[in-house]
Amino acid sequence: MKRGLVVDNSAVIRMVAGRILGMLRFQSEEVAGHAKALERCERSMPDVILVDAGRTRVETLDFLRTLRNMPGGKETKIIYCAMENDEMAIGRALRAGADDVLLKPFDRNSMQEKFEDVGLFA
């Protein structure tokens, strides 16, 4: 079974994303912050990470760069979850290591489409 990690400060978003991952047949784990996410990834890199654009975008960009340099970090798919379609912020996230962007609020269909776009369903 593929594994997904949800990194978001909002408990509601983590819960919703976790449920959707379950519907898509992913084992889900949810964490509130980047430090905890990096700890989890050090132990075992998930197949996909959904990361919130966050209140501090610089911290999120640093997280993306750090993650990509970890063992297995180049293979995992990273979906940057944003509240708004800010082209500059999205461009920075993609350059920092995100594979794609998912706008909030998202649902099962939009998440499944993104997963298909990045090759998680073969």
Protein backbone atom coordinates (compact mmCIF):
# COMPACT_ATOMS: atom_id res chain seq x y z
CA MET A 1 0.00 0.00 0.00
CA LYS A 2 1.29 3.46 -0.89
CA ARG A 3 1.83 5.97 1.89
CA GLY A 4 0.90 9.62 2.11
CA LEU A 5 1.90 12.33 4.55
CA VAL A 6 -0.23 15.43 5.15
CA VAL A 7 1.60 18.48 6.55
CA ASP A 8 -0.81 21.22 7.57
CA ASN A 9 -1.37 23.42 10.62
CA SER A 10 -5.14 22.92 10.40
CA ALA A 11 -6.44 19.81 12.13
CA VAL A 12 -9.55 19.92 9.93
CA ILE A 13 -7.51 19.97 6.71
CA ARG A 14 -5.32 17.14 8.00
CA MET A 15 -8.39 15.07 8.83
CA VAL A 16 -10.09 15.71 5.48
CA ALA A 17 -6.92 15.05 3.48
CA GLY A 18 -6.26 11.90 5.50
CA ARG A 19 -9.74 10.59 4.75
CA ILE A 20 -9.37 11.32 1.06
CA LEU A 21 -6.00 9.55 1.02
CA GLY A 22 -7.70 6.54 2.60
CA MET A 23 -10.39 6.58 -0.09
CA LEU A 24 -7.62 6.59 -2.69
CA ARG A 25 -6.09 3.54 -0.96
CA PHE A 26 -3.15 5.29 0.63
CA GLN A 27 -2.04 4.73 4.18
CA SER A 28 -2.19 8.21 5.68
CA GLU A 29 -0.22 10.01 8.34
CA GLU A 30 -0.83 13.61 9.36
CA VAL A 31 1.45 16.10 11.11
CA ALA A 32 1.10 19.77 12.02
CA GLY A 33 4.58 21.09 11.29
CA HIS A 34 7.57 20.85 9.03
CA ALA A 35 9.94 19.60 11.75
CA LYS A 36 7.70 16.62 12.56
CA ALA A 37 7.28 15.92 8.85
CA LEU A 38 11.05 15.81 8.33
CA GLU A 39 11.39 13.43 11.31
CA ARG A 40 8.82 11.10 9.73
CA CYS A 41 10.52 11.30 6.35
CA GLU A 42 13.90 10.47 7.90
CA ARG A 43 12.40 7.26 9.27
CA SER A 44 10.60 6.34 6.07
CA MET A 45 9.95 8.47 2.99
CA PRO A 46 6.28 8.41 1.91
CA ASP A 47 5.14 8.08 -1.69
CA VAL A 48 3.38 11.45 -1.61
CA ILE A 49 3.45 14.50 0.65
CA LEU A 50 0.70 17.10 0.72
CA VAL A 51 2.22 20.25 2.18
CA ASP A 52 0.34 23.41 3.08
CA ALA A 53 1.63 26.64 1.58
CA GLY A 54 1.55 27.83 5.17
CA ARG A 55 1.59 31.11 6.90
CA THR A 56 5.33 31.40 6.46
CA ARG A 57 6.01 30.54 2.85
CA VAL A 58 9.77 30.86 3.29
CA GLU A 59 9.67 28.06 5.86
CA THR A 60 7.64 25.92 3.45
CA LEU A 61 10.13 26.55 0.64
CA ASP A 62 13.01 25.60 2.95
CA PHE A 63 11.09 22.44 3.87
CA LEU A 64 10.72 21.53 0.18
CA ARG A 65 14.42 22.04 -0.50
CA THR A 66 15.46 20.07 2.58
CA LEU A 67 13.11 17.24 1.71
CA ARG A 68 14.43 16.94 -1.83
CA ASN A 69 17.98 16.55 -0.48
CA MET A 70 17.08 13.74 1.90
CA PRO A 71 17.58 10.07 0.98
CA GLY A 72 14.59 9.11 -1.17
CA GLY A 73 13.46 12.74 -1.36
CA LYS A 74 13.88 13.02 -5.09
CA GLU A 75 11.47 10.12 -5.72
CA THR A 76 8.60 11.15 -3.47
CA LYS A 77 5.84 13.24 -5.04
CA ILE A 78 5.16 16.57 -3.36
CA ILE A 79 1.88 18.40 -3.81
CA TYR A 80 1.90 22.04 -2.66
CA CYS A 81 -1.54 22.94 -1.25
CA ALA A 82 -2.39 26.62 -1.57
CA MET A 83 -5.40 28.77 -0.72
CA GLU A 84 -4.99 31.08 -3.69
CA ASN A 85 -3.72 30.93 -7.23
CA ASP A 86 -0.71 33.19 -6.62
CA GLU A 87 1.50 32.55 -9.67
CA MET A 88 4.65 33.93 -8.03
CA ALA A 89 4.27 31.81 -4.88
CA ILE A 90 3.41 28.72 -6.92
CA GLY A 91 6.43 29.26 -9.16
CA ARG A 92 8.70 29.51 -6.13
CA ALA A 93 7.23 26.30 -4.69
CA LEU A 94 7.74 24.43 -7.97
CA ARG A 95 11.34 25.65 -8.21
CA ALA A 96 11.93 24.62 -4.57
CA GLY A 97 10.82 21.05 -5.29
CA ALA A 98 7.03 20.70 -5.44
CA ASP A 99 5.78 18.47 -8.25
CA ASP A 100 2.38 20.11 -8.58
CA VAL A 101 -0.12 22.41 -6.88
CA LEU A 102 -3.53 21.61 -5.42
CA LEU A 103 -5.79 24.53 -4.58
CA LYS A 104 -7.88 24.47 -1.41
CA PRO A 105 -10.58 23.58 -0.81
CA PHE A 106 -9.90 20.25 -2.49
CA ASP A 107 -11.95 17.11 -2.76
CA ARG A 108 -11.37 13.49 -3.72
CA ASN A 109 -11.67 14.15 -7.45
CA SER A 110 -9.23 17.05 -7.52
CA MET A 111 -6.71 15.14 -5.38
CA GLN A 112 -7.04 12.04 -7.55
CA GLU A 113 -6.47 14.13 -10.70
CA LYS A 114 -3.29 15.62 -9.23
CA PHE A 115 -2.06 12.18 -8.21
CA GLU A 116 -2.68 10.96 -11.76
CA ASP A 117 -0.86 14.02 -13.16
CA VAL A 118 2.27 13.27 -11.12
CA GLY A 119 2.23 9.54 -11.90
CA LEU A 120 1.10 8.06 -8.59
CA PHE A 121 -1.45 5.84 -10.33
CA ALA A 122 0.17 3.61 -12.93
